[in-house]
Amino acid sequence: MTPNVVGRFAFFLCQLLALVLSAGDGLAQTGSLEHSPADVVKRYLALDYKGARLDAMSVETVASYTSWHEEPTWGHVVVTRGFVVAEQYRQWEVIDRLEVVIPVTFQVIGSVYLETAGFVQEAETEEVRFRVKAVKDRWRIVEPMLPPHVGQKRMVNIVREAWVKETDPAKRDRLGALRDELRKVK
């Protein structure tokens, strides 16, 4: 090997090593049993909050956190301000070392009904218990299968995108009204 090739190879190895060391857990497999099952719930809900379950291109990413591969067609989307996952195992119901139930609290502001482009404001705190189980050496959410729980800001953007693409004036008016209504909710 010429000195130039050896130098480039050494540079490549140093770059690869730096990437691996800086990534830490970032390169670890999703849902590894070495990590907390609460991490799987947090990652799944963070994607859901961003609207990943409403986007055909992102659905596969969310599916890697669950034991099911397909979801029903949901007629509505729950709009939230945020969620809190119980991270401490003392807050969980431990079934055994490979299965736990983790409580999550959502700050719900209401629901958007997709067929009618309607919004029903229902401010409440919703507690949901996520059953997480080891499936093929990975933590997976096994239940419940909830309708999408999307953040308010993201839902406004989704409705705005639909409004921009809509050509039917009546539907466009409904989407505009829905967008305005979602923006006003405090």
Protein backbone atom coordinates (compact mmCIF):
# COMPACT_ATOMS: atom_id res chain seq x y z
CA MET A 1 0.00 0.00 0.00
CA THR A 2 1.15 3.48 -0.74
CA PRO A 3 1.50 5.98 2.11
CA ASN A 4 -1.40 8.00 0.68
CA VAL A 5 -3.79 4.99 0.76
CA VAL A 6 -2.65 4.05 4.29
CA GLY A 7 -3.22 7.65 5.41
CA ARG A 8 -6.75 7.72 3.96
CA PHE A 9 -7.57 4.34 5.52
CA ALA A 10 -6.29 5.51 8.94
CA PHE A 11 -8.33 8.72 8.59
CA PHE A 12 -11.44 6.65 7.72
CA LEU A 13 -10.90 4.39 10.77
CA CYS A 14 -10.48 7.43 13.05
CA GLN A 15 -13.69 8.96 11.69
CA LEU A 16 -15.58 5.68 12.17
CA LEU A 17 -14.26 5.32 15.71
CA ALA A 18 -15.23 8.92 16.54
CA LEU A 19 -18.73 8.29 15.19
CA VAL A 20 -19.18 5.15 17.27
CA LEU A 21 -17.86 6.76 20.44
CA SER A 22 -19.93 9.93 20.04
CA ALA A 23 -23.12 8.03 19.23
CA GLY A 24 -23.04 5.95 22.42
CA ASP A 25 -26.52 4.45 22.84
CA GLY A 26 -27.64 6.08 19.60
CA LEU A 27 -26.43 3.12 17.59
CA ALA A 28 -27.94 0.57 19.97
CA GLN A 29 -30.82 -1.47 18.68
CA THR A 30 -34.25 0.01 19.30
CA GLY A 31 -35.91 -1.59 22.27
CA SER A 32 -32.89 -3.56 23.41
CA LEU A 33 -33.57 -5.43 26.65
CA GLU A 34 -30.46 -3.71 28.06
CA HIS A 35 -32.44 -0.44 28.11
CA SER A 36 -35.48 0.58 30.11
CA PRO A 37 -38.86 -0.44 28.66
CA ALA A 38 -39.95 3.14 29.42
CA ASP A 39 -37.57 4.29 26.65
CA VAL A 40 -39.61 2.35 24.09
CA VAL A 41 -42.83 3.98 25.32
CA LYS A 42 -41.24 7.45 25.27
CA ARG A 43 -39.84 7.04 21.74
CA TYR A 44 -43.12 5.65 20.40
CA LEU A 45 -45.14 8.47 21.96
CA ALA A 46 -42.67 11.14 20.82
CA LEU A 47 -43.12 9.95 17.22
CA ASP A 48 -46.89 9.77 17.66
CA TYR A 49 -46.90 13.30 19.14
CA LYS A 50 -45.17 14.50 15.96
CA GLY A 51 -47.85 12.85 13.80
CA ALA A 52 -45.81 9.89 12.55
CA ARG A 53 -48.83 7.57 12.63
CA LEU A 54 -50.69 9.92 10.28
CA ASP A 55 -47.94 9.87 7.66
CA ALA A 56 -47.68 6.78 5.46
CA MET A 57 -43.93 7.31 5.12
CA SER A 58 -43.39 7.24 8.92
CA VAL A 59 -45.71 4.43 9.96
CA GLU A 60 -42.99 1.80 9.61
CA THR A 61 -40.77 3.69 12.06
CA VAL A 62 -43.49 3.67 14.71
CA ALA A 63 -44.27 -0.01 14.06
CA SER A 64 -40.79 -1.00 15.28
CA TYR A 65 -41.92 -0.14 18.83
CA THR A 66 -45.06 -2.30 18.85
CA SER A 67 -45.95 -5.98 18.64
CA TRP A 68 -48.61 -5.29 15.97
CA HIS A 69 -47.76 -4.49 12.37
CA GLU A 70 -50.99 -2.85 11.22
CA GLU A 71 -53.45 -0.51 12.85
CA PRO A 72 -57.09 0.07 12.10
CA THR A 73 -58.14 3.16 10.22
CA TRP A 74 -58.83 5.65 12.97
CA GLY A 75 -61.79 7.98 12.59
CA HIS A 76 -60.32 10.56 14.91
CA VAL A 77 -57.08 11.93 16.30
CA VAL A 78 -56.63 12.87 19.95
CA VAL A 79 -54.97 16.29 20.20
CA THR A 80 -52.65 16.76 23.17
CA ARG A 81 -50.41 19.32 24.81
CA GLY A 82 -47.98 16.63 25.90
CA PHE A 83 -47.46 13.44 27.85
CA VAL A 84 -45.48 12.15 30.81
CA VAL A 85 -44.14 8.58 30.97
CA ALA A 86 -43.52 7.11 34.42
CA GLU A 87 -39.80 6.39 34.21
CA GLN A 88 -39.20 4.86 37.63
CA TYR A 89 -39.86 1.13 37.90
CA ARG A 90 -41.50 1.73 41.30
CA GLN A 91 -44.33 3.48 39.42
CA TRP A 92 -44.88 0.48 37.13
CA GLU A 93 -46.80 -2.71 37.57
CA VAL A 94 -44.14 -5.40 37.19
CA ILE A 95 -45.66 -8.62 35.87
CA ASP A 96 -42.28 -10.35 35.68
CA ARG A 97 -38.79 -9.43 34.50
CA LEU A 98 -39.90 -9.54 30.85
CA GLU A 99 -43.26 -7.77 31.14
CA VAL A 100 -44.30 -4.49 32.78
CA VAL A 101 -47.18 -2.03 32.69
CA ILE A 102 -46.08 1.60 32.48
CA PRO A 103 -48.50 4.46 33.21
CA VAL A 104 -48.55 7.47 30.89
CA THR A 105 -50.43 10.71 31.48
CA PHE A 106 -51.63 12.77 28.49
CA GLN A 107 -52.78 16.39 28.63
CA VAL A 108 -55.66 16.08 26.14
CA ILE A 109 -57.30 19.16 24.62
CA GLY A 110 -59.80 17.37 22.38
CA SER A 111 -60.33 15.26 19.27
CA VAL A 112 -60.30 15.95 15.55
CA TYR A 113 -62.79 13.86 13.58
CA LEU A 114 -61.30 13.14 10.18
CA GLU A 115 -64.46 12.47 8.15
CA THR A 116 -66.12 15.77 9.06
CA ALA A 117 -63.00 17.88 9.78
CA GLY A 118 -64.62 18.66 13.12
CA PHE A 119 -63.04 19.37 16.48
CA VAL A 120 -64.53 18.55 19.86
CA GLN A 121 -62.75 20.29 22.69
CA GLU A 122 -62.43 18.02 25.75
CA ALA A 123 -59.69 19.28 28.06
CA GLU A 124 -58.77 16.44 30.39
CA THR A 125 -55.93 14.43 31.83
CA GLU A 126 -55.96 10.93 30.40
CA GLU A 127 -54.01 8.11 32.02
CA VAL A 128 -53.17 5.12 29.86
CA ARG A 129 -51.32 2.02 30.97
CA PHE A 130 -48.92 0.61 28.37
CA ARG A 131 -48.11 -3.09 28.59
CA VAL A 132 -44.52 -3.62 27.43
CA LYS A 133 -43.16 -7.10 26.92
CA ALA A 134 -39.99 -8.74 25.66
CA VAL A 135 -40.70 -10.02 22.15
CA LYS A 136 -37.82 -11.62 20.23
CA ASP A 137 -35.22 -10.00 22.51
CA ARG A 138 -36.67 -6.48 22.15
CA TRP A 139 -39.04 -4.45 24.30
CA ARG A 140 -42.33 -3.98 22.44
CA ILE A 141 -45.60 -2.31 23.35
CA VAL A 142 -48.23 -5.07 23.25
CA GLU A 143 -51.21 -2.97 24.32
CA PRO A 144 -53.20 -0.78 24.15
CA MET A 145 -53.65 0.15 20.52
CA LEU A 146 -54.76 3.78 20.84
CA PRO A 147 -55.87 6.27 18.21
CA PRO A 148 -53.06 8.69 17.32
CA HIS A 149 -52.24 11.22 20.08
CA VAL A 150 -50.80 14.19 18.19
CA GLY A 151 -49.48 17.48 19.55
CA GLN A 152 -51.60 20.59 19.04
CA LYS A 153 -48.99 22.49 17.01
CA ARG A 154 -48.34 19.51 14.73
CA MET A 155 -52.08 18.95 14.24
CA VAL A 156 -52.48 22.59 13.16
CA ASN A 157 -49.71 22.05 10.59
CA ILE A 158 -51.27 18.81 9.32
CA VAL A 159 -54.63 20.54 8.85
CA ARG A 160 -52.91 23.49 7.14
CA GLU A 161 -51.16 21.10 4.71
CA ALA A 162 -54.49 19.41 3.93
CA TRP A 163 -56.09 22.86 3.42
CA VAL A 164 -53.36 23.86 0.93
CA LYS A 165 -53.84 20.64 -1.10
CA GLU A 166 -57.67 20.64 -1.03
CA THR A 167 -59.39 21.75 -4.25
CA ASP A 168 -63.04 21.39 -3.17
CA PRO A 169 -64.13 24.83 -1.83
CA ALA A 170 -66.53 23.41 0.79
CA LYS A 171 -63.92 21.01 2.21
CA ARG A 172 -61.32 23.76 2.07
CA ASP A 173 -63.61 26.03 4.12
CA ARG A 174 -64.11 23.26 6.74
CA LEU A 175 -60.36 22.67 6.96
CA GLY A 176 -59.73 26.41 7.34
CA ALA A 177 -62.27 26.61 10.15
CA LEU A 178 -60.72 23.55 11.82
CA ARG A 179 -57.24 25.05 11.59
CA ASP A 180 -58.47 28.30 13.16
CA GLU A 181 -60.29 26.43 15.93
CA LEU A 182 -57.21 24.35 16.78
CA ARG A 183 -55.06 27.48 16.93
CA LYS A 184 -57.43 29.20 19.38
CA VAL A 185 -57.46 26.41 21.97
CA LYS A 186 -55.52 27.46 25.06
